């Protein structure tokens, strides 16, 4: 089984992200992941923009996939999200890359962009390697 299929299988039990929000792991490698989320009415807030929680869910699964690939079990300790622009179009993407990937802790930056390449949000997540 290749890395992508293994990551998809590993996170298939993350029902909220994968089934409710519709997040798909598109690519994964050690310390890297790219996820997508097709925007539907259920992702929108009262103003018609993508809800912050939907954006965070997308980023959180990208972090989990990147931080756990080829590493001991890693869980989030902290996350900070900055909302930059409303997303345009029908699909959003999250790319997770490490700032630090140590034996006991890691910190990743997750950039969320829309299908036009506009940065919608940036998330900084720190994790603990507990496995």
N, C-alpha and C. Protein backbone atom coordinates (compact mmCIF):
# COMPACT_ATOMS: atom_id res chain seq x y z
N UNK A 1 0.86 -1.17 0.00
CA UNK A 1 0.00 0.00 0.00
C UNK A 1 0.91 1.24 0.00
N UNK A 2 0.59 2.21 -0.86
CA UNK A 2 1.41 3.42 -0.91
C UNK A 2 1.06 4.38 0.22
N UNK A 3 1.89 5.41 0.38
CA UNK A 3 1.71 6.36 1.50
C UNK A 3 0.35 7.05 1.48
N UNK A 4 -0.08 7.48 0.30
CA UNK A 4 -1.35 8.19 0.21
C UNK A 4 -2.50 7.30 0.64
N UNK A 5 -2.55 6.08 0.12
CA UNK A 5 -3.62 5.16 0.48
C UNK A 5 -3.58 4.83 1.97
N UNK A 6 -2.37 4.65 2.51
CA UNK A 6 -2.23 4.34 3.94
C UNK A 6 -2.72 5.51 4.79
N UNK A 7 -2.39 6.74 4.41
CA UNK A 7 -2.85 7.92 5.16
C UNK A 7 -4.36 8.05 5.10
N UNK A 8 -4.93 7.85 3.92
CA UNK A 8 -6.39 7.91 3.79
C UNK A 8 -7.07 6.87 4.66
N UNK A 9 -6.51 5.67 4.68
CA UNK A 9 -7.07 4.61 5.52
C UNK A 9 -6.92 4.94 7.00
N UNK A 10 -5.75 5.44 7.38
CA UNK A 10 -5.49 5.78 8.78
C UNK A 10 -6.48 6.82 9.30
N UNK A 11 -6.79 7.82 8.49
CA UNK A 11 -7.67 8.90 8.94
C UNK A 11 -9.12 8.73 8.52
N UNK A 12 -9.46 7.56 7.98
CA UNK A 12 -10.86 7.32 7.58
C UNK A 12 -11.80 7.33 8.77
N UNK A 13 -11.29 7.06 9.96
CA UNK A 13 -12.13 7.11 11.17
C UNK A 13 -12.29 8.52 11.72
N UNK A 14 -11.65 9.49 11.11
CA UNK A 14 -11.85 10.89 11.48
C UNK A 14 -13.12 11.36 10.75
N UNK A 15 -14.24 10.85 11.23
CA UNK A 15 -15.53 10.99 10.56
C UNK A 15 -15.93 12.45 10.34
N UNK A 16 -15.71 13.30 11.34
CA UNK A 16 -16.13 14.69 11.18
C UNK A 16 -15.41 15.33 10.00
N UNK A 17 -14.09 15.17 9.93
CA UNK A 17 -13.32 15.80 8.85
C UNK A 17 -13.62 15.15 7.50
N UNK A 18 -13.58 13.82 7.46
CA UNK A 18 -13.68 13.14 6.15
C UNK A 18 -15.11 13.03 5.63
N UNK A 19 -16.06 12.71 6.50
CA UNK A 19 -17.43 12.54 6.02
C UNK A 19 -18.28 13.79 6.15
N UNK A 20 -18.26 14.42 7.30
CA UNK A 20 -19.10 15.60 7.51
C UNK A 20 -18.59 16.82 6.73
N UNK A 21 -17.29 17.10 6.85
CA UNK A 21 -16.72 18.26 6.17
C UNK A 21 -16.26 17.93 4.75
N UNK A 22 -16.02 16.66 4.46
CA UNK A 22 -15.62 16.26 3.12
C UNK A 22 -14.16 16.52 2.78
N UNK A 23 -13.29 16.53 3.80
CA UNK A 23 -11.86 16.75 3.56
C UNK A 23 -11.25 15.49 2.95
N UNK A 24 -10.44 15.69 1.91
CA UNK A 24 -9.78 14.60 1.21
C UNK A 24 -8.27 14.82 1.29
N UNK A 25 -7.54 13.79 1.70
CA UNK A 25 -6.07 13.86 1.67
C UNK A 25 -5.65 13.64 0.23
N UNK A 26 -5.01 14.66 -0.37
CA UNK A 26 -4.62 14.62 -1.78
C UNK A 26 -3.19 14.13 -1.96
N UNK A 27 -2.30 14.47 -1.02
CA UNK A 27 -0.89 14.08 -1.11
C UNK A 27 -0.33 14.02 0.30
N UNK A 28 0.62 13.10 0.51
CA UNK A 28 1.25 12.98 1.81
C UNK A 28 2.67 12.47 1.63
N UNK A 29 3.55 12.97 2.46
CA UNK A 29 4.94 12.53 2.52
C UNK A 29 5.40 12.82 3.94
N UNK A 30 6.59 12.38 4.29
CA UNK A 30 7.07 12.68 5.64
C UNK A 30 7.11 14.20 5.80
N UNK A 31 6.44 14.70 6.85
CA UNK A 31 6.38 16.13 7.16
C UNK A 31 5.68 16.98 6.10
N UNK A 32 4.78 16.39 5.34
CA UNK A 32 4.04 17.17 4.32
C UNK A 32 2.69 16.52 4.07
N UNK A 33 1.68 17.36 3.89
CA UNK A 33 0.38 16.87 3.43
C UNK A 33 -0.36 17.99 2.71
N UNK A 34 -1.16 17.59 1.75
CA UNK A 34 -2.05 18.52 1.03
C UNK A 34 -3.43 17.90 1.05
N UNK A 35 -4.40 18.67 1.53
CA UNK A 35 -5.79 18.23 1.60
C UNK A 35 -6.67 19.20 0.84
N UNK A 36 -7.83 18.72 0.43
CA UNK A 36 -8.80 19.58 -0.24
C UNK A 36 -10.16 19.43 0.41
N UNK A 37 -11.01 20.43 0.19
CA UNK A 37 -12.38 20.39 0.70
C UNK A 37 -13.27 21.12 -0.30
N UNK A 38 -14.21 20.38 -0.88
CA UNK A 38 -15.18 20.98 -1.80
C UNK A 38 -16.22 21.72 -0.96
N UNK A 39 -16.40 23.00 -1.27
CA UNK A 39 -17.32 23.84 -0.50
C UNK A 39 -18.76 23.62 -0.94
N UNK A 40 -19.60 23.37 0.06
CA UNK A 40 -21.04 23.22 -0.17
C UNK A 40 -21.77 24.18 0.78
N UNK A 41 -23.07 24.20 0.70
CA UNK A 41 -23.86 25.08 1.57
C UNK A 41 -23.60 24.81 3.05
N UNK A 42 -23.31 23.57 3.41
CA UNK A 42 -23.10 23.23 4.82
C UNK A 42 -21.83 23.86 5.39
N UNK A 43 -20.92 24.33 4.54
CA UNK A 43 -19.68 24.96 4.99
C UNK A 43 -19.82 26.47 5.20
N UNK A 44 -20.94 27.04 4.83
CA UNK A 44 -21.10 28.50 4.84
C UNK A 44 -21.70 29.02 6.14
N UNK A 45 -21.26 30.22 6.52
CA UNK A 45 -21.82 30.88 7.70
C UNK A 45 -23.00 31.76 7.28
N UNK A 46 -23.55 32.51 8.21
CA UNK A 46 -24.72 33.34 7.95
C UNK A 46 -24.46 34.43 6.91
N UNK A 47 -23.19 34.80 6.72
CA UNK A 47 -22.84 35.83 5.74
C UNK A 47 -22.52 35.25 4.37
N UNK A 48 -22.62 33.93 4.22
CA UNK A 48 -22.36 33.29 2.94
C UNK A 48 -20.89 33.00 2.69
N UNK A 49 -20.04 33.21 3.68
CA UNK A 49 -18.61 32.89 3.56
C UNK A 49 -18.35 31.54 4.23
N UNK A 50 -17.21 30.94 3.91
CA UNK A 50 -16.86 29.66 4.53
C UNK A 50 -16.64 29.88 6.03
N UNK A 51 -17.31 29.08 6.83
CA UNK A 51 -17.25 29.17 8.28
C UNK A 51 -15.83 28.89 8.78
N UNK A 52 -15.40 29.61 9.79
CA UNK A 52 -14.07 29.44 10.34
C UNK A 52 -13.81 28.02 10.81
N UNK A 53 -14.81 27.38 11.37
CA UNK A 53 -14.64 26.00 11.83
C UNK A 53 -14.37 25.03 10.69
N UNK A 54 -14.96 25.30 9.53
CA UNK A 54 -14.70 24.46 8.35
C UNK A 54 -13.26 24.63 7.90
N UNK A 55 -12.78 25.88 7.90
CA UNK A 55 -11.38 26.14 7.53
C UNK A 55 -10.44 25.45 8.51
N UNK A 56 -10.75 25.55 9.79
CA UNK A 56 -9.90 24.92 10.80
C UNK A 56 -9.89 23.40 10.65
N UNK A 57 -11.03 22.82 10.36
CA UNK A 57 -11.11 21.37 10.18
C UNK A 57 -10.21 20.92 9.02
N UNK A 58 -10.25 21.66 7.92
CA UNK A 58 -9.39 21.37 6.78
C UNK A 58 -7.92 21.42 7.19
N UNK A 59 -7.53 22.48 7.88
CA UNK A 59 -6.14 22.63 8.32
C UNK A 59 -5.75 21.56 9.32
N UNK A 60 -6.64 21.21 10.22
CA UNK A 60 -6.34 20.24 11.26
C UNK A 60 -6.04 18.86 10.69
N UNK A 61 -6.79 18.45 9.66
CA UNK A 61 -6.52 17.14 9.07
C UNK A 61 -5.21 17.19 8.28
N UNK A 62 -4.91 18.30 7.63
CA UNK A 62 -3.63 18.42 6.93
C UNK A 62 -2.47 18.32 7.92
N UNK A 63 -2.60 18.99 9.07
CA UNK A 63 -1.58 18.89 10.11
C UNK A 63 -1.43 17.44 10.57
N UNK A 64 -2.54 16.79 10.88
CA UNK A 64 -2.48 15.42 11.38
C UNK A 64 -1.82 14.49 10.38
N UNK A 65 -2.17 14.60 9.11
CA UNK A 65 -1.60 13.74 8.09
C UNK A 65 -0.10 13.98 7.95
N UNK A 66 0.32 15.24 7.93
CA UNK A 66 1.74 15.58 7.77
C UNK A 66 2.55 15.19 9.00
N UNK A 67 2.05 15.51 10.17
CA UNK A 67 2.80 15.30 11.41
C UNK A 67 2.93 13.83 11.77
N UNK A 68 2.00 13.01 11.31
CA UNK A 68 2.02 11.59 11.65
C UNK A 68 2.68 10.71 10.59
N UNK A 69 2.92 11.24 9.40
CA UNK A 69 3.51 10.42 8.34
C UNK A 69 4.97 10.12 8.64
N UNK A 70 5.27 8.86 8.84
CA UNK A 70 6.64 8.44 9.12
C UNK A 70 7.15 8.86 10.49
N UNK A 71 6.25 9.19 11.38
CA UNK A 71 6.60 9.66 12.72
C UNK A 71 5.81 8.88 13.77
N UNK A 72 6.25 8.95 15.04
CA UNK A 72 5.43 8.37 16.12
C UNK A 72 4.09 9.12 16.20
N UNK A 73 3.12 8.50 16.85
CA UNK A 73 1.82 9.14 17.02
C UNK A 73 2.00 10.56 17.52
N UNK A 74 1.41 11.51 16.80
CA UNK A 74 1.54 12.93 17.11
C UNK A 74 0.16 13.53 17.29
N UNK A 75 -0.02 14.29 18.38
CA UNK A 75 -1.29 14.95 18.66
C UNK A 75 -1.06 16.45 18.80
N UNK A 76 -2.10 17.21 18.54
CA UNK A 76 -2.01 18.67 18.65
C UNK A 76 -1.90 19.11 20.10
N UNK A 77 -1.05 20.10 20.33
CA UNK A 77 -0.98 20.78 21.62
C UNK A 77 -1.65 22.15 21.53
N UNK A 78 -1.30 22.90 20.49
CA UNK A 78 -1.87 24.23 20.29
C UNK A 78 -2.05 24.48 18.80
N UNK A 79 -2.97 25.36 18.49
CA UNK A 79 -3.16 25.83 17.11
C UNK A 79 -3.61 27.28 17.16
N UNK A 80 -3.17 28.02 16.16
CA UNK A 80 -3.58 29.41 16.00
C UNK A 80 -3.95 29.60 14.54
N UNK A 81 -5.10 30.20 14.29
CA UNK A 81 -5.54 30.44 12.92
C UNK A 81 -5.73 31.93 12.70
N UNK A 82 -5.27 32.39 11.57
CA UNK A 82 -5.48 33.78 11.14
C UNK A 82 -6.27 33.73 9.84
N UNK A 83 -7.44 34.36 9.85
CA UNK A 83 -8.29 34.42 8.66
C UNK A 83 -7.86 35.63 7.85
N UNK A 84 -7.55 35.41 6.58
CA UNK A 84 -6.97 36.47 5.75
C UNK A 84 -7.91 37.00 4.68
N UNK A 85 -8.58 36.12 3.98
CA UNK A 85 -9.48 36.49 2.88
C UNK A 85 -10.62 35.50 2.78
N UNK A 86 -11.76 35.92 2.26
CA UNK A 86 -12.81 34.94 2.01
C UNK A 86 -12.40 34.06 0.83
N UNK A 87 -12.72 32.79 0.92
CA UNK A 87 -12.39 31.88 -0.18
C UNK A 87 -13.34 32.07 -1.35
N UNK A 88 -12.80 32.02 -2.53
CA UNK A 88 -13.61 32.13 -3.76
C UNK A 88 -13.57 30.79 -4.48
N UNK A 89 -14.63 30.48 -5.16
CA UNK A 89 -14.67 29.23 -5.91
C UNK A 89 -15.22 28.10 -5.07
N UNK A 90 -15.07 26.88 -5.60
CA UNK A 90 -15.72 25.74 -4.99
C UNK A 90 -14.84 24.80 -4.20
N UNK A 91 -13.51 25.00 -4.21
CA UNK A 91 -12.61 24.09 -3.52
C UNK A 91 -11.55 24.88 -2.76
N UNK A 92 -11.27 24.43 -1.55
CA UNK A 92 -10.17 24.99 -0.76
C UNK A 92 -9.11 23.92 -0.56
N UNK A 93 -7.86 24.37 -0.41
CA UNK A 93 -6.73 23.46 -0.22
C UNK A 93 -5.95 23.86 1.02
N UNK A 94 -5.39 22.88 1.71
CA UNK A 94 -4.53 23.12 2.86
C UNK A 94 -3.23 22.36 2.62
N UNK A 95 -2.12 23.08 2.76
CA UNK A 95 -0.80 22.45 2.66
C UNK A 95 -0.06 22.64 3.97
N UNK A 96 0.38 21.53 4.54
CA UNK A 96 1.09 21.54 5.83
C UNK A 96 2.56 21.27 5.59
N UNK A 97 3.40 22.17 6.15
CA UNK A 97 4.86 22.03 6.06
C UNK A 97 5.46 22.32 7.44
N UNK A 98 6.55 21.63 7.77
CA UNK A 98 7.12 21.81 9.11
C UNK A 98 7.97 23.07 9.24
N UNK A 99 7.87 23.68 10.39
CA UNK A 99 8.83 24.70 10.82
C UNK A 99 9.90 24.01 11.65
N UNK A 100 9.44 22.98 12.41
CA UNK A 100 10.32 22.14 13.22
C UNK A 100 9.68 20.76 13.29
N UNK A 101 10.49 19.74 13.10
CA UNK A 101 9.99 18.38 13.21
C UNK A 101 10.97 17.59 14.05
N UNK A 102 10.79 17.69 15.37
CA UNK A 102 11.71 17.05 16.30
C UNK A 102 11.23 15.71 16.80
N UNK A 103 12.00 15.14 17.70
CA UNK A 103 11.64 13.84 18.26
C UNK A 103 10.45 13.91 19.20
N UNK A 104 10.32 15.02 19.94
CA UNK A 104 9.24 15.12 20.94
C UNK A 104 8.16 16.12 20.58
N UNK A 105 8.51 17.14 19.82
CA UNK A 105 7.52 18.15 19.41
C UNK A 105 7.73 18.50 17.94
N UNK A 106 6.70 19.12 17.39
CA UNK A 106 6.78 19.61 16.02
C UNK A 106 5.91 20.84 15.89
N UNK A 107 6.25 21.69 14.95
CA UNK A 107 5.44 22.86 14.64
C UNK A 107 5.30 22.95 13.12
N UNK A 108 4.07 23.08 12.68
CA UNK A 108 3.77 23.13 11.25
C UNK A 108 3.03 24.42 10.91
N UNK A 109 3.29 24.93 9.73
CA UNK A 109 2.50 26.00 9.14
C UNK A 109 1.59 25.36 8.10
N UNK A 110 0.31 25.67 8.18
CA UNK A 110 -0.66 25.15 7.23
C UNK A 110 -1.27 26.34 6.50
N UNK A 111 -1.00 26.41 5.21
CA UNK A 111 -1.57 27.48 4.37
C UNK A 111 -2.83 26.97 3.71
N UNK A 112 -3.91 27.74 3.84
CA UNK A 112 -5.17 27.41 3.19
C UNK A 112 -5.35 28.40 2.04
N UNK A 113 -5.55 27.86 0.83
CA UNK A 113 -5.76 28.68 -0.35
C UNK A 113 -7.04 28.25 -1.05
N UNK A 114 -7.59 29.18 -1.85
CA UNK A 114 -8.75 28.82 -2.66
C UNK A 114 -8.27 28.30 -4.01
N UNK A 115 -9.20 27.94 -4.86
CA UNK A 115 -8.82 27.35 -6.14
C UNK A 115 -8.16 28.34 -7.09
N UNK A 116 -8.15 29.62 -6.73
CA UNK A 116 -7.48 30.65 -7.53
C UNK A 116 -6.10 30.98 -6.98
N UNK A 117 -5.69 30.28 -5.92
CA UNK A 117 -4.38 30.50 -5.32
C UNK A 117 -4.32 31.61 -4.30
N UNK A 118 -5.47 32.19 -3.94
CA UNK A 118 -5.53 33.26 -2.95
C UNK A 118 -5.45 32.64 -1.55
N UNK A 119 -4.56 33.16 -0.71
CA UNK A 119 -4.42 32.64 0.65
C UNK A 119 -5.63 33.09 1.47
N UNK A 120 -6.36 32.12 2.01
CA UNK A 120 -7.57 32.35 2.78
C UNK A 120 -7.27 32.41 4.27
N UNK A 121 -6.35 31.57 4.73
CA UNK A 121 -6.01 31.52 6.15
C UNK A 121 -4.65 30.86 6.31
N UNK A 122 -4.05 31.11 7.46
CA UNK A 122 -2.82 30.42 7.82
C UNK A 122 -2.96 29.92 9.25
N UNK A 123 -2.50 28.69 9.46
CA UNK A 123 -2.61 28.05 10.77
C UNK A 123 -1.21 27.63 11.20
N UNK A 124 -0.90 27.87 12.46
CA UNK A 124 0.33 27.36 13.06
C UNK A 124 -0.10 26.34 14.12
N UNK A 125 0.34 25.10 13.96
CA UNK A 125 -0.02 24.04 14.90
C UNK A 125 1.24 23.41 15.47
N UNK A 126 1.20 23.19 16.78
CA UNK A 126 2.31 22.54 17.49
C UNK A 126 1.77 21.20 18.00
N UNK A 127 2.58 20.18 17.84
CA UNK A 127 2.16 18.85 18.27
C UNK A 127 3.19 18.19 19.18
N UNK A 128 2.70 17.19 19.90
CA UNK A 128 3.56 16.38 20.76
C UNK A 128 3.61 14.98 20.18
N UNK A 129 4.80 14.43 20.11
CA UNK A 129 4.99 13.07 19.62
C UNK A 129 4.87 12.15 20.84
N UNK A 130 3.76 11.42 20.92
CA UNK A 130 3.48 10.60 22.10
C UNK A 130 3.64 9.11 21.85
N UNK A 131 3.78 8.72 20.58
CA UNK A 131 3.83 7.30 20.24
C UNK A 131 5.22 6.73 20.36
